[in-house]
């Protein structure tokens, strides 16, 4: 699976990218903002986007909605430390295909990737 990682933290992108690669998938691009995420999505057409919620320019919900507007079939897996039920509900209603709570365990990521690639 070809994956785009969207997170404002470079450290988080690198660590998560290593985990994705360790699960046998390819990181095709990284982005730290709404504009970068949309550009990378258009350019690389990934099979999956992993998306942080808390970002300074535009929050994850805004990015999710923009990605779904660009491509209604986009698969977006939210990865965040914010596990509030109302946030989860809003993301699922906007079209997220899954949610992992940081810190993510490799086994959790592997299970989510296997489910989404099936």
N, C-alpha and C. Protein backbone atom coordinates (compact mmCIF):
# COMPACT_ATOMS: atom_id res chain seq x y z
N UNK A 1 0.85 -1.17 0.00
CA UNK A 1 0.00 0.00 0.00
C UNK A 1 0.90 1.24 0.00
N UNK A 2 0.51 2.23 -0.79
CA UNK A 2 1.26 3.49 -0.89
C UNK A 2 0.62 4.50 0.06
N UNK A 3 1.42 5.07 0.96
CA UNK A 3 0.89 5.87 2.07
C UNK A 3 1.45 7.29 2.05
N UNK A 4 0.57 8.26 2.29
CA UNK A 4 0.93 9.66 2.51
C UNK A 4 0.74 9.93 4.00
N UNK A 5 1.78 10.46 4.65
CA UNK A 5 1.72 10.76 6.08
C UNK A 5 1.57 12.27 6.26
N UNK A 6 0.50 12.68 6.95
CA UNK A 6 0.25 14.10 7.20
C UNK A 6 0.29 14.35 8.71
N UNK A 7 1.31 15.10 9.14
CA UNK A 7 1.50 15.44 10.56
C UNK A 7 2.39 16.66 10.60
N UNK A 8 2.10 17.61 11.48
CA UNK A 8 2.92 18.82 11.54
C UNK A 8 4.28 18.58 12.20
N UNK A 9 4.46 17.47 12.86
CA UNK A 9 5.71 17.15 13.54
C UNK A 9 6.60 16.28 12.65
N UNK A 10 7.79 16.79 12.32
CA UNK A 10 8.71 16.02 11.49
C UNK A 10 9.12 14.74 12.20
N UNK A 11 9.35 14.81 13.50
CA UNK A 11 9.73 13.63 14.27
C UNK A 11 8.63 12.57 14.18
N UNK A 12 7.39 12.98 14.34
CA UNK A 12 6.26 12.05 14.25
C UNK A 12 6.17 11.45 12.86
N UNK A 13 6.38 12.27 11.82
CA UNK A 13 6.32 11.75 10.44
C UNK A 13 7.40 10.69 10.20
N UNK A 14 8.60 10.96 10.67
CA UNK A 14 9.71 10.00 10.49
C UNK A 14 9.42 8.71 11.25
N UNK A 15 9.03 8.85 12.51
CA UNK A 15 8.76 7.65 13.32
C UNK A 15 7.61 6.83 12.73
N UNK A 16 6.55 7.51 12.33
CA UNK A 16 5.40 6.80 11.79
C UNK A 16 5.75 6.20 10.42
N UNK A 17 6.53 6.92 9.64
CA UNK A 17 6.98 6.41 8.35
C UNK A 17 7.78 5.14 8.50
N UNK A 18 8.65 5.10 9.50
CA UNK A 18 9.43 3.89 9.78
C UNK A 18 8.51 2.73 10.15
N UNK A 19 7.47 3.02 10.93
CA UNK A 19 6.52 1.97 11.31
C UNK A 19 5.76 1.45 10.09
N UNK A 20 5.32 2.37 9.23
CA UNK A 20 4.58 1.98 8.02
C UNK A 20 5.47 1.10 7.13
N UNK A 21 6.72 1.53 6.94
CA UNK A 21 7.66 0.76 6.13
C UNK A 21 7.95 -0.60 6.77
N UNK A 22 8.05 -0.63 8.08
CA UNK A 22 8.28 -1.88 8.80
C UNK A 22 7.13 -2.85 8.67
N UNK A 23 5.95 -2.33 8.35
CA UNK A 23 4.77 -3.18 8.14
C UNK A 23 4.66 -3.62 6.68
N UNK A 24 5.66 -3.25 5.88
CA UNK A 24 5.69 -3.70 4.49
C UNK A 24 5.00 -2.79 3.49
N UNK A 25 4.77 -1.54 3.88
CA UNK A 25 4.10 -0.60 2.99
C UNK A 25 5.06 0.52 2.63
N UNK A 26 4.74 1.27 1.59
CA UNK A 26 5.62 2.31 1.07
C UNK A 26 5.11 3.70 1.41
N UNK A 27 5.95 4.52 2.01
CA UNK A 27 5.61 5.92 2.25
C UNK A 27 5.99 6.68 0.98
N UNK A 28 4.99 7.23 0.28
CA UNK A 28 5.25 7.92 -0.98
C UNK A 28 5.45 9.41 -0.79
N UNK A 29 4.97 9.96 0.33
CA UNK A 29 5.13 11.39 0.58
C UNK A 29 4.77 11.70 2.03
N UNK A 30 5.23 12.88 2.47
CA UNK A 30 4.90 13.41 3.78
C UNK A 30 4.41 14.84 3.59
N UNK A 31 3.54 15.29 4.49
CA UNK A 31 3.05 16.66 4.44
C UNK A 31 2.84 17.15 5.87
N UNK A 32 2.97 18.47 6.04
CA UNK A 32 2.79 19.03 7.39
C UNK A 32 1.67 20.06 7.45
N UNK A 33 0.96 20.26 6.33
CA UNK A 33 -0.10 21.27 6.31
C UNK A 33 -1.18 20.85 5.31
N UNK A 34 -2.28 21.57 5.33
CA UNK A 34 -3.39 21.33 4.40
C UNK A 34 -2.92 21.43 2.96
N UNK A 35 -2.25 22.52 2.62
CA UNK A 35 -1.81 22.73 1.23
C UNK A 35 -0.85 21.64 0.78
N UNK A 36 0.09 21.28 1.64
CA UNK A 36 1.05 20.23 1.29
C UNK A 36 0.34 18.88 1.14
N UNK A 37 -0.63 18.63 1.99
CA UNK A 37 -1.36 17.36 1.92
C UNK A 37 -2.12 17.24 0.60
N UNK A 38 -2.80 18.29 0.20
CA UNK A 38 -3.56 18.26 -1.05
C UNK A 38 -2.63 18.12 -2.26
N UNK A 39 -1.52 18.85 -2.24
CA UNK A 39 -0.55 18.78 -3.33
C UNK A 39 0.05 17.36 -3.42
N UNK A 40 0.45 16.81 -2.28
CA UNK A 40 1.03 15.48 -2.26
C UNK A 40 0.01 14.43 -2.70
N UNK A 41 -1.23 14.60 -2.30
CA UNK A 41 -2.28 13.65 -2.71
C UNK A 41 -2.46 13.68 -4.23
N UNK A 42 -2.54 14.88 -4.79
CA UNK A 42 -2.71 15.01 -6.24
C UNK A 42 -1.52 14.39 -6.99
N UNK A 43 -0.33 14.65 -6.50
CA UNK A 43 0.89 14.21 -7.17
C UNK A 43 1.12 12.70 -7.06
N UNK A 44 0.90 12.14 -5.87
CA UNK A 44 1.28 10.75 -5.61
C UNK A 44 0.11 9.76 -5.64
N UNK A 45 -1.12 10.25 -5.55
CA UNK A 45 -2.31 9.38 -5.55
C UNK A 45 -2.11 8.16 -4.63
N UNK A 46 -1.91 8.40 -3.33
CA UNK A 46 -1.67 7.29 -2.41
C UNK A 46 -2.91 6.42 -2.20
N UNK A 47 -2.67 5.20 -1.74
CA UNK A 47 -3.76 4.28 -1.41
C UNK A 47 -4.37 4.64 -0.06
N UNK A 48 -3.56 5.30 0.80
CA UNK A 48 -3.99 5.63 2.15
C UNK A 48 -3.30 6.91 2.62
N UNK A 49 -4.03 7.71 3.38
CA UNK A 49 -3.46 8.89 4.03
C UNK A 49 -3.57 8.67 5.53
N UNK A 50 -2.45 8.85 6.25
CA UNK A 50 -2.53 8.88 7.70
C UNK A 50 -2.52 10.35 8.09
N UNK A 51 -3.39 10.72 9.02
CA UNK A 51 -3.64 12.13 9.30
C UNK A 51 -3.69 12.42 10.79
N UNK A 52 -2.87 13.38 11.22
CA UNK A 52 -2.92 13.87 12.59
C UNK A 52 -4.08 14.87 12.69
N UNK A 53 -4.65 15.01 13.86
CA UNK A 53 -5.74 15.97 14.05
C UNK A 53 -5.22 17.35 14.41
N UNK A 54 -4.27 17.40 15.34
CA UNK A 54 -3.82 18.68 15.87
C UNK A 54 -2.67 19.24 15.04
N UNK A 55 -3.02 20.21 14.18
CA UNK A 55 -2.02 20.88 13.37
C UNK A 55 -2.32 22.38 13.40
N UNK A 56 -1.30 23.22 13.30
CA UNK A 56 -1.50 24.66 13.50
C UNK A 56 -2.31 25.38 12.43
N UNK A 57 -2.09 25.13 11.15
CA UNK A 57 -2.79 25.88 10.10
C UNK A 57 -4.24 25.45 9.95
N UNK A 58 -4.43 24.16 9.77
CA UNK A 58 -5.78 23.61 9.60
C UNK A 58 -5.81 22.29 10.36
N UNK A 59 -6.87 22.08 11.14
CA UNK A 59 -6.93 20.84 11.91
C UNK A 59 -7.23 19.65 11.00
N UNK A 60 -7.08 18.47 11.56
CA UNK A 60 -7.26 17.24 10.80
C UNK A 60 -8.63 17.10 10.17
N UNK A 61 -9.66 17.58 10.85
CA UNK A 61 -11.01 17.49 10.29
C UNK A 61 -11.12 18.32 9.01
N UNK A 62 -10.51 19.49 9.01
CA UNK A 62 -10.51 20.35 7.82
C UNK A 62 -9.75 19.67 6.68
N UNK A 63 -8.60 19.09 7.01
CA UNK A 63 -7.79 18.39 6.00
C UNK A 63 -8.57 17.19 5.45
N UNK A 64 -9.20 16.43 6.34
CA UNK A 64 -9.99 15.28 5.93
C UNK A 64 -11.08 15.69 4.94
N UNK A 65 -11.82 16.73 5.28
CA UNK A 65 -12.90 17.19 4.41
C UNK A 65 -12.37 17.64 3.05
N UNK A 66 -11.22 18.32 3.04
CA UNK A 66 -10.62 18.78 1.78
C UNK A 66 -10.16 17.59 0.93
N UNK A 67 -9.58 16.58 1.58
CA UNK A 67 -9.16 15.38 0.84
C UNK A 67 -10.36 14.65 0.25
N UNK A 68 -11.43 14.54 1.02
CA UNK A 68 -12.63 13.85 0.54
C UNK A 68 -13.31 14.64 -0.59
N UNK A 69 -13.19 15.97 -0.55
CA UNK A 69 -13.74 16.79 -1.62
C UNK A 69 -12.91 16.57 -2.89
N UNK A 70 -11.60 16.47 -2.74
CA UNK A 70 -10.70 16.23 -3.86
C UNK A 70 -10.94 14.84 -4.45
N UNK A 71 -11.10 13.84 -3.57
CA UNK A 71 -11.32 12.46 -3.99
C UNK A 71 -12.23 11.78 -2.98
N UNK A 72 -13.51 11.65 -3.30
CA UNK A 72 -14.45 11.03 -2.36
C UNK A 72 -14.07 9.60 -1.94
N UNK A 73 -13.25 8.93 -2.75
CA UNK A 73 -12.83 7.56 -2.43
C UNK A 73 -11.56 7.52 -1.59
N UNK A 74 -11.01 8.67 -1.23
CA UNK A 74 -9.76 8.69 -0.45
C UNK A 74 -9.93 7.93 0.86
N UNK A 75 -8.94 7.09 1.18
CA UNK A 75 -8.92 6.38 2.45
C UNK A 75 -8.04 7.18 3.41
N UNK A 76 -8.62 7.59 4.53
CA UNK A 76 -7.90 8.40 5.50
C UNK A 76 -7.98 7.74 6.87
N UNK A 77 -6.82 7.41 7.40
CA UNK A 77 -6.69 6.82 8.74
C UNK A 77 -6.19 7.91 9.68
N UNK A 78 -7.00 8.28 10.64
CA UNK A 78 -6.62 9.34 11.58
C UNK A 78 -5.76 8.73 12.69
N UNK A 79 -4.65 9.44 12.98
CA UNK A 79 -3.72 9.00 14.02
C UNK A 79 -3.51 10.21 14.92
N UNK A 80 -4.01 10.12 16.17
CA UNK A 80 -3.96 11.30 17.02
C UNK A 80 -3.94 10.94 18.50
N UNK A 81 -3.43 11.87 19.27
CA UNK A 81 -3.47 11.74 20.72
C UNK A 81 -4.80 12.19 21.30
N UNK A 82 -5.63 12.83 20.48
CA UNK A 82 -6.93 13.31 20.91
C UNK A 82 -7.97 12.21 20.67
N UNK A 83 -8.40 11.57 21.74
CA UNK A 83 -9.34 10.46 21.58
C UNK A 83 -10.74 10.77 22.12
N UNK A 84 -11.10 12.06 22.15
CA UNK A 84 -12.42 12.44 22.63
C UNK A 84 -13.50 11.88 21.70
N UNK A 85 -14.57 11.40 22.27
CA UNK A 85 -15.64 10.77 21.50
C UNK A 85 -16.24 11.70 20.45
N UNK A 86 -16.45 12.96 20.81
CA UNK A 86 -17.06 13.90 19.85
C UNK A 86 -16.14 14.14 18.66
N UNK A 87 -14.83 14.16 18.90
CA UNK A 87 -13.86 14.34 17.82
C UNK A 87 -13.89 13.10 16.92
N UNK A 88 -13.88 11.93 17.54
CA UNK A 88 -13.95 10.67 16.80
C UNK A 88 -15.21 10.62 15.94
N UNK A 89 -16.35 10.96 16.53
CA UNK A 89 -17.62 10.94 15.80
C UNK A 89 -17.60 11.88 14.60
N UNK A 90 -17.04 13.08 14.78
CA UNK A 90 -16.98 14.06 13.69
C UNK A 90 -16.09 13.56 12.56
N UNK A 91 -14.98 12.93 12.90
CA UNK A 91 -14.06 12.39 11.88
C UNK A 91 -14.69 11.24 11.11
N UNK A 92 -15.36 10.36 11.83
CA UNK A 92 -16.02 9.22 11.16
C UNK A 92 -17.15 9.73 10.25
N UNK A 93 -17.90 10.72 10.72
CA UNK A 93 -18.99 11.28 9.92
C UNK A 93 -18.45 11.96 8.65
N UNK A 94 -17.23 12.50 8.73
CA UNK A 94 -16.63 13.19 7.59
C UNK A 94 -15.96 12.22 6.62
N UNK A 95 -15.91 10.93 6.98
CA UNK A 95 -15.40 9.95 6.03
C UNK A 95 -14.10 9.26 6.38
N UNK A 96 -13.58 9.46 7.59
CA UNK A 96 -12.35 8.74 7.97
C UNK A 96 -12.65 7.23 7.98
N UNK A 97 -11.66 6.44 7.60
CA UNK A 97 -11.88 4.99 7.54
C UNK A 97 -11.34 4.27 8.77
N UNK A 98 -10.77 5.03 9.69
CA UNK A 98 -10.27 4.42 10.92
C UNK A 98 -9.61 5.45 11.80
N UNK A 99 -9.30 5.04 13.04
CA UNK A 99 -8.72 5.95 14.03
C UNK A 99 -7.78 5.16 14.92
N UNK A 100 -6.55 5.65 15.05
CA UNK A 100 -5.58 5.07 15.97
C UNK A 100 -5.15 6.14 16.95
N UNK A 101 -5.05 5.78 18.22
CA UNK A 101 -4.65 6.73 19.26
C UNK A 101 -3.14 6.67 19.46
N UNK A 102 -2.50 7.85 19.47
CA UNK A 102 -1.06 7.93 19.75
C UNK A 102 -0.84 7.70 21.23
N UNK A 103 0.24 7.08 21.64
CA UNK A 103 1.25 6.46 20.78
C UNK A 103 0.73 5.17 20.17
N UNK A 104 0.99 5.00 18.88
CA UNK A 104 0.49 3.84 18.14
C UNK A 104 1.45 2.66 18.33
N UNK A 105 0.89 1.52 18.64
CA UNK A 105 1.68 0.30 18.72
C UNK A 105 1.77 -0.31 17.33
N UNK A 106 2.90 -0.93 17.02
CA UNK A 106 3.11 -1.53 15.71
C UNK A 106 2.02 -2.54 15.38
N UNK A 107 1.61 -3.35 16.36
CA UNK A 107 0.56 -4.35 16.12
C UNK A 107 -0.76 -3.69 15.73
N UNK A 108 -1.08 -2.55 16.35
CA UNK A 108 -2.31 -1.82 16.01
C UNK A 108 -2.24 -1.29 14.58
N UNK A 109 -1.08 -0.75 14.22
CA UNK A 109 -0.90 -0.22 12.88
C UNK A 109 -0.98 -1.34 11.85
N UNK A 110 -0.32 -2.45 12.13
CA UNK A 110 -0.36 -3.59 11.20
C UNK A 110 -1.79 -4.06 10.99
N UNK A 111 -2.57 -4.16 12.05
CA UNK A 111 -3.96 -4.60 11.95
C UNK A 111 -4.77 -3.61 11.12
N UNK A 112 -4.59 -2.33 11.34
CA UNK A 112 -5.34 -1.31 10.61
C UNK A 112 -4.96 -1.33 9.13
N UNK A 113 -3.67 -1.45 8.82
CA UNK A 113 -3.22 -1.47 7.44
C UNK A 113 -3.72 -2.73 6.72
N UNK A 114 -3.71 -3.85 7.41
CA UNK A 114 -4.19 -5.10 6.82
C UNK A 114 -5.69 -4.98 6.49
N UNK A 115 -6.44 -4.39 7.41
CA UNK A 115 -7.89 -4.23 7.20
C UNK A 115 -8.16 -3.30 6.02
N UNK A 116 -7.39 -2.21 5.93
CA UNK A 116 -7.63 -1.22 4.89
C UNK A 116 -7.11 -1.64 3.51
N UNK A 117 -6.17 -2.58 3.48
CA UNK A 117 -5.65 -3.02 2.19
C UNK A 117 -6.42 -4.23 1.65
N UNK A 118 -7.33 -4.76 2.45
CA UNK A 118 -8.10 -5.95 2.01
C UNK A 118 -9.17 -5.59 1.01
